[in-house]
Amino acid sequence: MIDPLLLTIDRFPDKNAFCINETFYTYEQFGQHISCIRSVIRDFSPHDLIIGLVANDDIETYASIFALWLEGKAYVPLHPNQPLDRCWEIIKQTNIDTILDSGEASRFLHRGVIKTSGLQYKKDLLINDVDTDDDGLAYILFTSGSTGIPKGVTLSRKNVGAFMDSFRDSGITINEDDRCLQCFDLTFDVSVQCFLTPLTNGACVYTIPHDQIKYSYVFGLLDDHRLTLGAMAPSMLRYLKPYFNEIDLPALKNCILTGEASPVDLVQQWQKCVPNAQIFNFYGPTETTIYCTYYKIEDINEIKSLYGMLSIGRPMKNVKAIVVDENCNVLPKGEKGELCISGKQVSPGYWNSREKNTLAFFEKQWNGITERFYHTGDLCYIDTDDSIMLFGRLDSQAKIQGYRVELGEIEHHAREYLNGNNAVALTFINSIGNTDLAIFVEGKEIDIAALTDYLRSKVPPYMVPTAIVVEKEFPLNSNGKVDKKKLREKMGQV
């Protein structure tokens, strides 16, 4: 991941590497920022292997990542807009002593803060001259924990290298003439694909300032700069949907949908806006290094789907996938169970958490080889042509009146009635302490009685939601996914 970038800087010094807040930076300028920051790291933090990085949207922050990698170190992103207490919890867990921060004023002044902006370039430090171990960490990303305390997912250099090899094998090609969208926060793993794959191929990365309305800024970049590669969550498309009739993006060659389930009807409508784009549905928990399976749409009118959602396809080059029962026995094709992933992209584990690692990872003999698998927690089955069909989270199954209910099935029928408008089904505890169903509908006011009658015609009585809530717009989290936690908080108002 380092050598290809250094080669790119050498080959294309005058090509644009970044467009950040409408300012362009060449590969030569990017290399100079890397050199400046690497020099400071060597002087002030030579022995720390794990460094905090305030995830600002600027050239210094991206340069810091590569400066750290050149020095054989790993970064832990700290979001500038997330609660300070959460950031301190991450710092405490990883025992970080040094933080790189490009902001004018840092929130972490009583830690060893290295200010990365305003440094004076003196000489190139773009030689990969530090001995590194493939098993050494590249970054640690903290995700939500069930206990309310964030858990750190460690990703190694070997994991990232295996991912890059898998991504190249997917059929998406990138060269120095491409213009690539990076609309994800650096605290979210898809961001790594969005900046690393372009930069190692000489392309230009277009980012989103934190203070902008994300979906409108994304459309502006796609349209004004004629971007050729874009990765985004389906929720982003939902925000753009009212403008589909006005959107025409013939320059887009590859469109990646990721982060959440992709509705067939939404993708079919979006395809008309991107007539020349090859559309991919990529899937992958953070623990499997960005993406681990993908589905390439060959015919927009014949899409493999389940409950109106795209298949997540087949395993990428450097991973293997099985579906198991509750005792980790491999199930035959067509039988529903938990998707588990093994291979070079699987994380070494959670930071300093033997208990979580024991629960999340397991070893199993498969095809005569002992493999280390990760429990994804996703309910799937493998089709006869080896495509993986995703039902949803295991914990999105609900027990209602003793029956096991797939929330995705309810959402599918609701979207059918709503002509594709988004719908999210959730459980809640009713006034007498029983588990009940609610469905949130995005859009204007609807005929709730008519929707209820429609659902009654499609599902058994115990699957008909007892509460229907209309939201003008669904809240999104910082990564562009529907924020189900905020929807769930509204349950007290139902």
Protein backbone atom coordinates (compact mmCIF):
# COMPACT_ATOMS: atom_id res chain seq x y z
CA MET A 1 0.00 0.00 0.00
CA ILE A 2 3.03 2.28 0.46
CA ASP A 3 5.19 1.42 -2.55
CA PRO A 4 2.38 1.93 -5.12
CA LEU A 5 1.74 5.42 -3.71
CA LEU A 6 5.43 6.35 -3.81
CA LEU A 7 5.56 5.13 -7.39
CA THR A 8 2.49 7.21 -8.23
CA ILE A 9 4.00 10.37 -6.74
CA ASP A 10 7.13 9.78 -8.81
CA ARG A 11 5.22 9.07 -12.04
CA PHE A 12 2.51 11.74 -11.84
CA PRO A 13 3.88 14.70 -9.82
CA ASP A 14 1.75 17.25 -11.70
CA LYS A 15 -1.47 15.23 -11.66
CA ASN A 16 -4.13 16.13 -9.08
CA ALA A 17 -4.22 13.80 -6.10
CA PHE A 18 -7.01 15.55 -4.15
CA CYS A 19 -9.83 18.01 -4.50
CA ILE A 20 -10.70 19.17 -0.98
CA ASN A 21 -13.30 21.91 -0.55
CA GLU A 22 -12.76 22.91 -4.20
CA THR A 23 -8.97 23.23 -3.76
CA PHE A 24 -6.75 20.92 -5.81
CA TYR A 25 -3.49 19.38 -4.60
CA THR A 26 -1.03 17.65 -6.91
CA TYR A 27 0.78 14.42 -6.12
CA GLU A 28 3.97 16.45 -5.69
CA GLN A 29 2.28 18.66 -3.09
CA PHE A 30 0.80 15.61 -1.38
CA GLY A 31 4.26 14.05 -1.20
CA GLN A 32 5.67 17.23 0.34
CA HIS A 33 2.99 17.18 3.06
CA ILE A 34 3.79 13.52 3.77
CA SER A 35 7.50 14.37 4.05
CA CYS A 36 6.87 17.28 6.44
CA ILE A 37 4.66 15.21 8.74
CA ARG A 38 6.95 12.19 8.64
CA SER A 39 9.89 14.37 9.71
CA VAL A 40 7.94 15.70 12.71
CA ILE A 41 6.82 12.20 13.71
CA ARG A 42 10.43 11.01 13.64
CA ASP A 43 11.52 13.89 15.86
CA PHE A 44 8.71 13.87 18.40
CA SER A 45 7.23 10.35 18.45
CA PRO A 46 9.84 7.83 17.30
CA HIS A 47 8.79 4.95 19.56
CA ASP A 48 4.96 5.09 19.64
CA LEU A 49 3.45 2.49 17.30
CA ILE A 50 -0.18 3.61 17.63
CA ILE A 51 -0.95 7.27 16.99
CA GLY A 52 -4.23 9.16 17.29
CA LEU A 53 -5.35 11.08 14.21
CA VAL A 54 -8.01 13.79 14.31
CA ALA A 55 -10.02 12.98 11.19
CA ASN A 56 -10.33 16.43 9.63
CA ASP A 57 -11.12 16.91 5.96
CA ASP A 58 -7.83 18.37 4.73
CA ILE A 59 -4.65 17.44 2.92
CA GLU A 60 -2.63 17.22 6.15
CA THR A 61 -4.90 14.53 7.59
CA TYR A 62 -4.62 12.29 4.53
CA ALA A 63 -0.86 12.91 4.37
CA SER A 64 -0.63 11.93 8.04
CA ILE A 65 -1.97 8.45 7.28
CA PHE A 66 0.78 7.74 4.78
CA ALA A 67 3.46 9.38 6.92
CA LEU A 68 2.48 7.04 9.75
CA TRP A 69 2.49 4.00 7.48
CA LEU A 70 5.94 4.91 6.16
CA GLU A 71 7.14 5.00 9.75
CA GLY A 72 5.65 1.57 10.45
CA LYS A 73 2.91 2.99 12.68
CA ALA A 74 -0.87 2.62 12.85
CA TYR A 75 -3.49 5.35 13.11
CA VAL A 76 -6.61 5.56 15.24
CA PRO A 77 -9.06 8.13 13.79
CA LEU A 78 -10.77 10.49 16.24
CA HIS A 79 -13.73 12.30 14.72
CA PRO A 80 -13.66 16.06 15.37
CA ASN A 81 -17.46 16.21 15.70
CA GLN A 82 -18.05 13.17 17.87
CA PRO A 83 -18.54 13.56 21.64
CA LEU A 84 -15.27 14.29 23.41
CA ASP A 85 -16.00 11.64 26.03
CA ARG A 86 -16.17 8.98 23.32
CA CYS A 87 -12.85 10.14 21.89
CA TRP A 88 -11.25 10.01 25.33
CA GLU A 89 -12.57 6.48 25.81
CA ILE A 90 -10.84 5.46 22.55
CA ILE A 91 -7.62 7.19 23.63
CA LYS A 92 -7.79 5.45 27.00
CA GLN A 93 -8.37 2.00 25.48
CA THR A 94 -5.45 2.28 23.06
CA ASN A 95 -3.16 4.09 25.53
CA ILE A 96 -2.41 6.77 22.94
CA ASP A 97 0.25 9.29 23.93
CA THR A 98 0.55 11.18 20.62
CA ILE A 99 -2.18 12.72 18.48
CA LEU A 100 -1.80 14.31 15.03
CA ASP A 101 -4.16 17.24 14.57
CA SER A 102 -4.37 19.65 11.64
CA GLY A 103 -7.02 21.85 13.26
CA GLU A 104 -6.40 25.40 14.43
CA ALA A 105 -7.26 24.47 18.01
CA SER A 106 -7.02 20.93 19.36
CA ARG A 107 -9.43 19.35 21.84
CA PHE A 108 -6.60 17.18 23.21
CA LEU A 109 -4.12 19.72 24.54
CA HIS A 110 -3.07 17.72 27.60
CA ARG A 111 -1.98 14.87 25.33
CA GLY A 112 1.10 15.00 23.08
CA VAL A 113 -0.45 16.84 20.15
CA ILE A 114 1.56 17.27 16.94
CA LYS A 115 0.12 20.11 14.87
CA THR A 116 0.37 19.01 11.24
CA SER A 117 -0.77 22.19 9.48
CA GLY A 118 1.59 25.04 8.58
CA LEU A 119 4.72 22.86 8.44
CA GLN A 120 7.54 24.04 6.17
CA TYR A 121 8.71 21.62 3.50
CA LYS A 122 12.48 21.04 3.63
CA LYS A 123 13.25 17.75 1.89
CA ASP A 124 11.64 14.59 0.59
CA LEU A 125 11.16 11.70 3.00
CA LEU A 126 9.44 9.40 0.55
CA ILE A 127 11.64 6.33 0.88
CA ASN A 128 10.16 3.14 2.30
CA ASP A 129 13.20 2.56 4.53
CA VAL A 130 11.58 1.31 7.76
CA ASP A 131 11.44 -2.42 8.41
CA THR A 132 7.80 -3.37 8.82
CA ASP A 133 5.99 -6.61 9.56
CA ASP A 134 2.97 -7.59 7.47
CA ASP A 135 1.27 -8.53 10.72
CA GLY A 136 1.85 -5.02 12.06
CA LEU A 137 -1.24 -2.84 12.46
CA ALA A 138 -2.32 -0.37 9.79
CA TYR A 139 -5.23 1.18 11.70
CA ILE A 140 -7.74 0.58 14.48
CA LEU A 141 -11.37 1.56 13.93
CA PHE A 142 -13.79 1.82 16.83
CA THR A 143 -17.35 0.65 16.29
CA SER A 144 -20.34 0.72 18.59
CA GLY A 145 -20.28 -1.86 21.36
CA SER A 146 -23.34 -3.59 22.81
CA THR A 147 -22.30 -2.38 26.27
CA GLY A 148 -22.20 1.25 25.14
CA ILE A 149 -18.39 1.25 25.15
CA PRO A 150 -16.83 1.39 21.66
CA LYS A 151 -14.79 -1.63 20.60
CA GLY A 152 -11.62 -1.35 18.55
CA VAL A 153 -11.27 -3.46 15.39
CA THR A 154 -7.61 -3.95 14.49
CA LEU A 155 -6.61 -4.20 10.83
CA SER A 156 -3.11 -5.24 9.78
CA ARG A 157 -0.98 -4.31 6.80
CA LYS A 158 -1.52 -7.85 5.54
CA ASN A 159 -5.30 -7.34 5.77
CA VAL A 160 -5.12 -4.13 3.74
CA GLY A 161 -2.78 -5.66 1.17
CA ALA A 162 -5.11 -8.64 0.74
CA PHE A 163 -8.07 -6.30 0.32
CA MET A 164 -6.25 -4.29 -2.37
CA ASP A 165 -5.52 -7.54 -4.23
CA SER A 166 -9.16 -8.62 -3.91
CA PHE A 167 -10.46 -5.25 -5.07
CA ARG A 168 -8.29 -5.31 -8.20
CA ASP A 169 -9.74 -8.74 -8.96
CA SER A 170 -13.34 -7.46 -8.76
CA GLY A 171 -13.19 -5.95 -12.23
CA ILE A 172 -13.03 -2.27 -11.26
CA THR A 173 -10.04 -0.62 -12.90
CA ILE A 174 -8.68 2.81 -11.90
CA ASN A 175 -6.05 4.89 -13.68
CA GLU A 176 -4.56 8.39 -13.60
CA ASP A 177 -7.49 9.85 -15.53
CA ASP A 178 -10.14 8.80 -13.01
CA ARG A 179 -11.90 11.11 -10.58
CA CYS A 180 -13.10 9.31 -7.46
CA LEU A 181 -15.60 10.19 -4.73
CA GLN A 182 -14.63 9.94 -1.04
CA CYS A 183 -17.79 10.76 0.93
CA PHE A 184 -17.16 8.67 4.06
CA ASP A 185 -15.73 9.79 7.38
CA LEU A 186 -12.25 8.48 8.12
CA THR A 187 -13.71 6.72 11.17
CA PHE A 188 -15.57 4.39 8.74
CA ASP A 189 -13.66 1.67 6.93
CA VAL A 190 -15.04 2.32 3.43
CA SER A 191 -13.08 5.58 3.50
CA VAL A 192 -9.87 3.52 3.20
CA GLN A 193 -10.99 2.07 -0.13
CA CYS A 194 -12.17 5.48 -1.29
CA PHE A 195 -8.77 7.14 -0.85
CA LEU A 196 -6.32 4.24 -1.09
CA THR A 197 -7.41 2.66 -4.38
CA PRO A 198 -7.36 5.99 -6.29
CA LEU A 199 -4.08 7.21 -4.78
CA THR A 200 -2.22 4.02 -5.61
CA ASN A 201 -3.33 4.36 -9.25
CA GLY A 202 -2.71 8.06 -9.88
CA ALA A 203 -6.37 9.13 -9.75
CA CYS A 204 -7.84 12.20 -8.01
CA VAL A 205 -9.82 11.91 -4.75
CA TYR A 206 -12.77 14.28 -4.16
CA THR A 207 -13.79 14.69 -0.51
CA ILE A 208 -16.76 16.14 1.40
CA PRO A 209 -16.22 18.96 3.96
CA HIS A 210 -17.69 18.19 7.38
CA ASP A 211 -19.81 21.36 7.36
CA GLN A 212 -21.62 20.63 4.09
CA ILE A 213 -24.97 18.94 3.47
CA LYS A 214 -23.55 15.67 2.31
CA TYR A 215 -26.02 14.52 -0.35
CA SER A 216 -26.19 17.88 -2.14
CA TYR A 217 -22.41 18.25 -2.07
CA VAL A 218 -22.00 14.71 -3.42
CA PHE A 219 -24.29 15.49 -6.33
CA GLY A 220 -22.38 18.71 -7.01
CA LEU A 221 -19.10 16.79 -7.19
CA LEU A 222 -20.53 14.03 -9.38
CA ASP A 223 -22.03 16.56 -11.78
CA ASP A 224 -19.57 19.49 -11.81
CA HIS A 225 -16.39 17.42 -11.83
CA ARG A 226 -17.68 14.50 -13.91
CA LEU A 227 -16.56 11.89 -11.41
CA THR A 228 -15.89 8.41 -12.80
CA LEU A 229 -16.00 6.28 -9.63
CA GLY A 230 -18.35 6.68 -6.70
CA ALA A 231 -18.92 4.60 -3.57
CA MET A 232 -21.93 5.52 -1.44
CA ALA A 233 -24.57 4.09 0.85
CA PRO A 234 -28.06 3.49 -0.62
CA SER A 235 -29.39 6.08 1.84
CA MET A 236 -27.46 8.68 -0.15
CA LEU A 237 -29.44 7.68 -3.23
CA ARG A 238 -32.68 8.02 -1.31
CA TYR A 239 -31.83 11.63 -0.54
CA LEU A 240 -31.10 12.21 -4.22
CA LYS A 241 -34.22 10.36 -5.40
CA PRO A 242 -36.48 13.48 -5.64
CA TYR A 243 -34.01 14.84 -8.21
CA PHE A 244 -33.51 11.67 -10.28
CA ASN A 245 -35.40 13.17 -13.23
CA GLU A 246 -32.86 16.00 -13.35
CA ILE A 247 -29.72 13.92 -12.74
CA ASP A 248 -27.64 12.80 -15.73
CA LEU A 249 -24.15 11.49 -14.97
CA PRO A 250 -22.79 9.87 -18.14
CA ALA A 251 -19.16 10.18 -16.96
CA LEU A 252 -19.63 7.79 -14.02
CA LYS A 253 -18.06 4.47 -15.03
CA ASN A 254 -18.32 2.50 -11.78
CA CYS A 255 -20.80 2.92 -8.95
CA ILE A 256 -20.32 1.05 -5.67
CA LEU A 257 -23.25 0.66 -3.27
CA THR A 258 -22.22 -0.36 0.23
CA GLY A 259 -22.82 0.02 3.94
CA GLU A 260 -26.41 -1.25 4.03
CA ALA A 261 -28.87 -3.32 2.02
CA SER A 262 -29.52 -2.03 -1.52
CA PRO A 263 -33.18 -1.95 -2.70
CA VAL A 264 -33.71 -3.25 -6.23
CA ASP A 265 -36.26 -0.60 -7.21
CA LEU A 266 -34.05 2.26 -6.04
CA VAL A 267 -31.04 0.87 -7.91
CA GLN A 268 -33.07 0.43 -11.10
CA GLN A 269 -34.20 4.05 -10.92
CA TRP A 270 -30.66 5.24 -10.16
CA GLN A 271 -29.27 3.33 -13.14
CA LYS A 272 -31.16 5.69 -15.46
CA CYS A 273 -29.16 8.57 -13.95
CA VAL A 274 -25.84 6.78 -14.56
CA PRO A 275 -26.40 5.17 -17.97
CA ASN A 276 -22.75 4.25 -18.55
CA ALA A 277 -21.93 2.99 -15.05
CA GLN A 278 -21.29 -0.56 -13.99
CA ILE A 279 -23.09 -0.97 -10.64
CA PHE A 280 -21.66 -3.12 -7.84
CA ASN A 281 -23.14 -4.08 -4.49
CA PHE A 282 -20.26 -4.56 -2.01
CA TYR A 283 -20.70 -6.08 1.45
CA GLY A 284 -18.32 -6.36 4.37
CA PRO A 285 -18.15 -5.90 8.13
CA THR A 286 -15.21 -3.84 9.43
CA GLU A 287 -13.71 -7.07 10.79
CA THR A 288 -13.21 -8.40 7.24
CA THR A 289 -11.37 -5.31 5.91
CA ILE A 290 -13.79 -3.04 4.07
CA TYR A 291 -15.51 -5.47 1.64
CA CYS A 292 -15.50 -9.25 1.54
CA THR A 293 -18.24 -10.09 -1.01
CA TYR A 294 -19.60 -8.31 -4.05
CA TYR A 295 -22.36 -8.56 -6.63
CA LYS A 296 -21.92 -7.08 -10.09
CA ILE A 297 -25.18 -6.26 -11.84
CA GLU A 298 -25.02 -7.70 -15.33
CA ASP A 299 -28.62 -6.97 -16.34
CA ILE A 300 -30.52 -4.17 -14.57
CA ASN A 301 -33.80 -5.94 -15.33
CA GLU A 302 -32.71 -9.31 -13.93
CA ILE A 303 -31.25 -8.68 -10.50
CA LYS A 304 -30.73 -11.40 -7.92
CA SER A 305 -32.61 -10.28 -4.84
CA LEU A 306 -34.34 -11.28 -1.62
CA TYR A 307 -37.21 -9.27 -0.12
CA GLY A 308 -36.47 -6.61 -2.74
CA MET A 309 -32.80 -6.26 -1.71
CA LEU A 310 -29.80 -7.02 -3.91
CA SER A 311 -27.78 -10.17 -3.38
CA ILE A 312 -24.41 -9.54 -1.73
CA GLY A 313 -22.84 -11.79 -4.35
CA ARG A 314 -19.84 -14.01 -3.98
CA PRO A 315 -16.69 -13.91 -1.84
CA MET A 316 -13.83 -11.71 -2.98
CA LYS A 317 -10.52 -13.25 -4.01
CA ASN A 318 -8.87 -13.47 -0.59
CA VAL A 319 -11.83 -14.55 1.54
CA LYS A 320 -13.99 -17.64 1.96
CA ALA A 321 -17.63 -17.74 3.08
CA ILE A 322 -19.74 -20.39 4.78
CA VAL A 323 -23.23 -20.40 6.30
CA VAL A 324 -23.52 -22.19 9.63
CA ASP A 325 -26.15 -23.22 12.15
CA GLU A 326 -26.08 -22.25 15.83
CA ASN A 327 -23.51 -25.02 16.49
CA CYS A 328 -21.21 -23.80 13.69
CA ASN A 329 -22.06 -26.73 11.45
CA VAL A 330 -21.83 -25.80 7.77
CA LEU A 331 -25.26 -25.75 6.15
CA PRO A 332 -25.96 -26.89 2.59
CA LYS A 333 -26.94 -24.46 -0.14
CA GLY A 334 -30.40 -23.02 0.29
CA GLU A 335 -30.49 -23.35 4.09
CA LYS A 336 -30.58 -20.22 6.19
CA GLY A 337 -27.97 -19.54 8.86
CA GLU A 338 -25.19 -17.20 9.93
CA LEU A 339 -22.65 -16.01 7.37
CA CYS A 340 -19.05 -16.55 8.52
CA ILE A 341 -15.93 -15.29 6.76
CA SER A 342 -12.33 -16.53 6.72
CA GLY A 343 -9.19 -15.60 4.81
CA LYS A 344 -6.41 -13.04 4.60
CA GLN A 345 -8.76 -10.09 5.09
CA VAL A 346 -10.10 -11.20 8.48
CA SER A 347 -9.01 -8.93 11.34
CA PRO A 348 -6.50 -10.14 13.95
CA GLY A 349 -9.23 -9.29 16.47
CA TYR A 350 -10.53 -6.64 18.83
CA TRP A 351 -8.08 -4.45 20.70
CA ASN A 352 -7.32 -5.82 24.16
CA SER A 353 -10.51 -7.87 24.42
CA ARG A 354 -10.00 -11.61 24.76
CA GLU A 355 -13.66 -12.09 25.66
CA LYS A 356 -14.96 -10.37 22.50
CA ASN A 357 -12.43 -12.23 20.36
CA THR A 358 -13.54 -15.58 21.76
CA LEU A 359 -17.15 -14.78 20.90
CA ALA A 360 -16.51 -13.30 17.44
CA PHE A 361 -13.85 -15.61 15.98
CA PHE A 362 -13.55 -19.38 15.83
CA GLU A 363 -11.47 -22.08 14.14
CA LYS A 364 -13.01 -24.84 12.08
CA GLN A 365 -11.89 -27.61 9.79
CA TRP A 366 -13.28 -26.88 6.36
CA ASN A 367 -12.30 -28.63 3.14
CA GLY A 368 -9.49 -30.33 5.04
CA ILE A 369 -7.92 -27.10 6.27
CA THR A 370 -8.21 -25.41 9.66
CA GLU A 371 -9.59 -21.94 8.98
CA ARG A 372 -10.16 -19.01 11.33
CA PHE A 373 -13.66 -17.61 10.80
CA TYR A 374 -15.45 -14.44 11.85
CA HIS A 375 -19.10 -14.49 12.95
CA THR A 376 -20.72 -11.71 10.89
CA GLY A 377 -24.03 -11.89 12.75
CA ASP A 378 -25.81 -11.71 9.38
CA LEU A 379 -28.53 -14.16 8.41
CA CYS A 380 -27.97 -15.57 4.90
CA TYR A 381 -28.20 -18.54 2.62
CA ILE A 382 -26.08 -19.51 -0.38
CA ASP A 383 -28.00 -19.92 -3.63
CA THR A 384 -27.51 -22.70 -6.15
CA ASP A 385 -25.15 -20.50 -8.20
CA ASP A 386 -23.10 -19.66 -5.08
CA SER A 387 -24.60 -16.17 -4.68
CA ILE A 388 -25.10 -15.11 -1.06
CA MET A 389 -28.61 -13.89 -0.22
CA LEU A 390 -28.88 -11.62 2.83
CA PHE A 391 -31.94 -11.63 5.10
CA GLY A 392 -30.56 -9.12 7.60
CA ARG A 393 -29.01 -9.20 11.04
CA LEU A 394 -29.54 -12.20 13.26
CA ASP A 395 -30.57 -9.73 15.92
CA SER A 396 -33.08 -8.20 13.49
CA GLN A 397 -35.11 -11.34 13.82
CA ALA A 398 -37.86 -10.79 16.34
CA LYS A 399 -39.98 -13.19 18.36
CA ILE A 400 -43.58 -11.99 18.19
CA GLN A 401 -46.24 -14.07 19.96
CA GLY A 402 -43.80 -16.99 19.84
CA TYR A 403 -43.23 -16.67 16.08
CA ARG A 404 -39.83 -15.78 14.59
CA VAL A 405 -40.25 -12.76 12.33
CA GLU A 406 -37.90 -11.39 9.65
CA LEU A 407 -38.14 -7.59 9.81
CA GLY A 408 -36.84 -7.37 6.25
CA GLU A 409 -39.94 -9.12 4.95
CA ILE A 410 -42.21 -6.51 6.54
CA GLU A 411 -40.05 -3.70 5.14
CA HIS A 412 -40.18 -5.25 1.67
CA HIS A 413 -43.99 -5.30 1.55
CA ALA A 414 -44.22 -1.78 2.98
CA ARG A 415 -41.87 -0.45 0.28
CA GLU A 416 -43.98 -2.18 -2.35
CA TYR A 417 -47.07 -0.33 -1.16
CA LEU A 418 -45.13 2.95 -0.87
CA ASN A 419 -43.81 2.74 -4.44
CA GLY A 420 -40.24 2.40 -3.27
CA ASN A 421 -40.22 4.91 -0.41
CA ASN A 422 -38.04 3.72 2.41
CA ALA A 423 -39.44 1.84 5.39
CA VAL A 424 -37.71 0.52 8.49
CA ALA A 425 -39.28 -2.03 10.84
CA LEU A 426 -38.22 -2.11 14.49
CA THR A 427 -39.36 -3.82 17.65
CA PHE A 428 -40.46 -2.05 20.81
CA ILE A 429 -41.83 -2.99 24.21
CA ASN A 430 -45.49 -2.07 24.49
CA SER A 431 -47.34 -0.79 27.58
CA ILE A 432 -47.89 -4.27 29.00
CA GLY A 433 -44.28 -5.35 28.49
CA ASN A 434 -44.68 -7.45 25.33
CA THR A 435 -42.53 -7.16 22.21
CA ASP A 436 -44.41 -5.42 19.42
CA LEU A 437 -43.69 -4.19 15.91
CA ALA A 438 -43.46 -0.64 14.56
CA ILE A 439 -42.67 0.52 11.06
CA PHE A 440 -41.19 3.90 10.21
CA VAL A 441 -42.07 5.32 6.80
CA GLU A 442 -40.10 8.04 5.08
CA GLY A 443 -41.96 10.76 3.17
CA LYS A 444 -45.13 12.76 3.38
CA GLU A 445 -48.30 11.76 5.19
CA ILE A 446 -49.74 8.45 4.09
CA ASP A 447 -52.97 6.59 4.57
CA ILE A 448 -51.98 4.51 7.58
CA ALA A 449 -55.16 2.43 7.50
CA ALA A 450 -54.58 1.57 3.84
CA LEU A 451 -50.98 0.55 4.48
CA THR A 452 -52.12 -1.60 7.40
CA ASP A 453 -54.72 -3.29 5.22
CA TYR A 454 -52.10 -3.92 2.53
CA LEU A 455 -49.73 -5.52 5.03
CA ARG A 456 -52.58 -7.65 6.36
CA SER A 457 -53.03 -8.98 2.81
CA LYS A 458 -49.35 -9.95 2.60
CA VAL A 459 -48.24 -11.24 6.00
CA PRO A 460 -49.72 -13.19 8.94
CA PRO A 461 -51.52 -11.13 11.61
CA TYR A 462 -48.63 -11.34 14.08
CA MET A 463 -46.36 -9.62 11.51
CA VAL A 464 -48.59 -6.58 11.02
CA PRO A 465 -47.04 -3.59 12.87
CA THR A 466 -49.17 -2.13 15.61
CA ALA A 467 -47.55 1.30 15.15
CA ILE A 468 -46.80 3.17 11.93
CA VAL A 469 -44.74 6.36 12.19
CA VAL A 470 -44.19 8.77 9.30
CA GLU A 471 -40.89 10.69 9.18
CA LYS A 472 -40.32 13.42 6.60
CA GLU A 473 -36.67 12.34 6.31
CA PHE A 474 -34.91 9.49 8.05
CA PRO A 475 -31.93 10.55 10.18
CA LEU A 476 -28.56 9.38 8.86
CA ASN A 477 -25.45 8.67 10.86
CA SER A 478 -22.08 10.12 9.90
CA ASN A 479 -21.51 7.33 7.37
CA GLY A 480 -24.71 7.93 5.43
CA LYS A 481 -26.66 4.97 6.83
CA VAL A 482 -30.15 5.19 8.30
CA ASP A 483 -29.63 5.88 12.00
CA LYS A 484 -31.83 3.19 13.54
CA LYS A 485 -30.73 4.19 17.02
CA LYS A 486 -32.35 7.62 16.58
CA LEU A 487 -35.47 6.01 15.15
CA ARG A 488 -35.56 3.65 18.10
CA GLU A 489 -35.32 6.62 20.48
CA LYS A 490 -38.62 7.81 19.03
CA MET A 491 -40.30 4.62 20.17
CA GLY A 492 -41.13 6.27 23.44
CA GLN A 493 -43.25 8.69 21.43
CA VAL A 494 -45.14 5.93 19.62
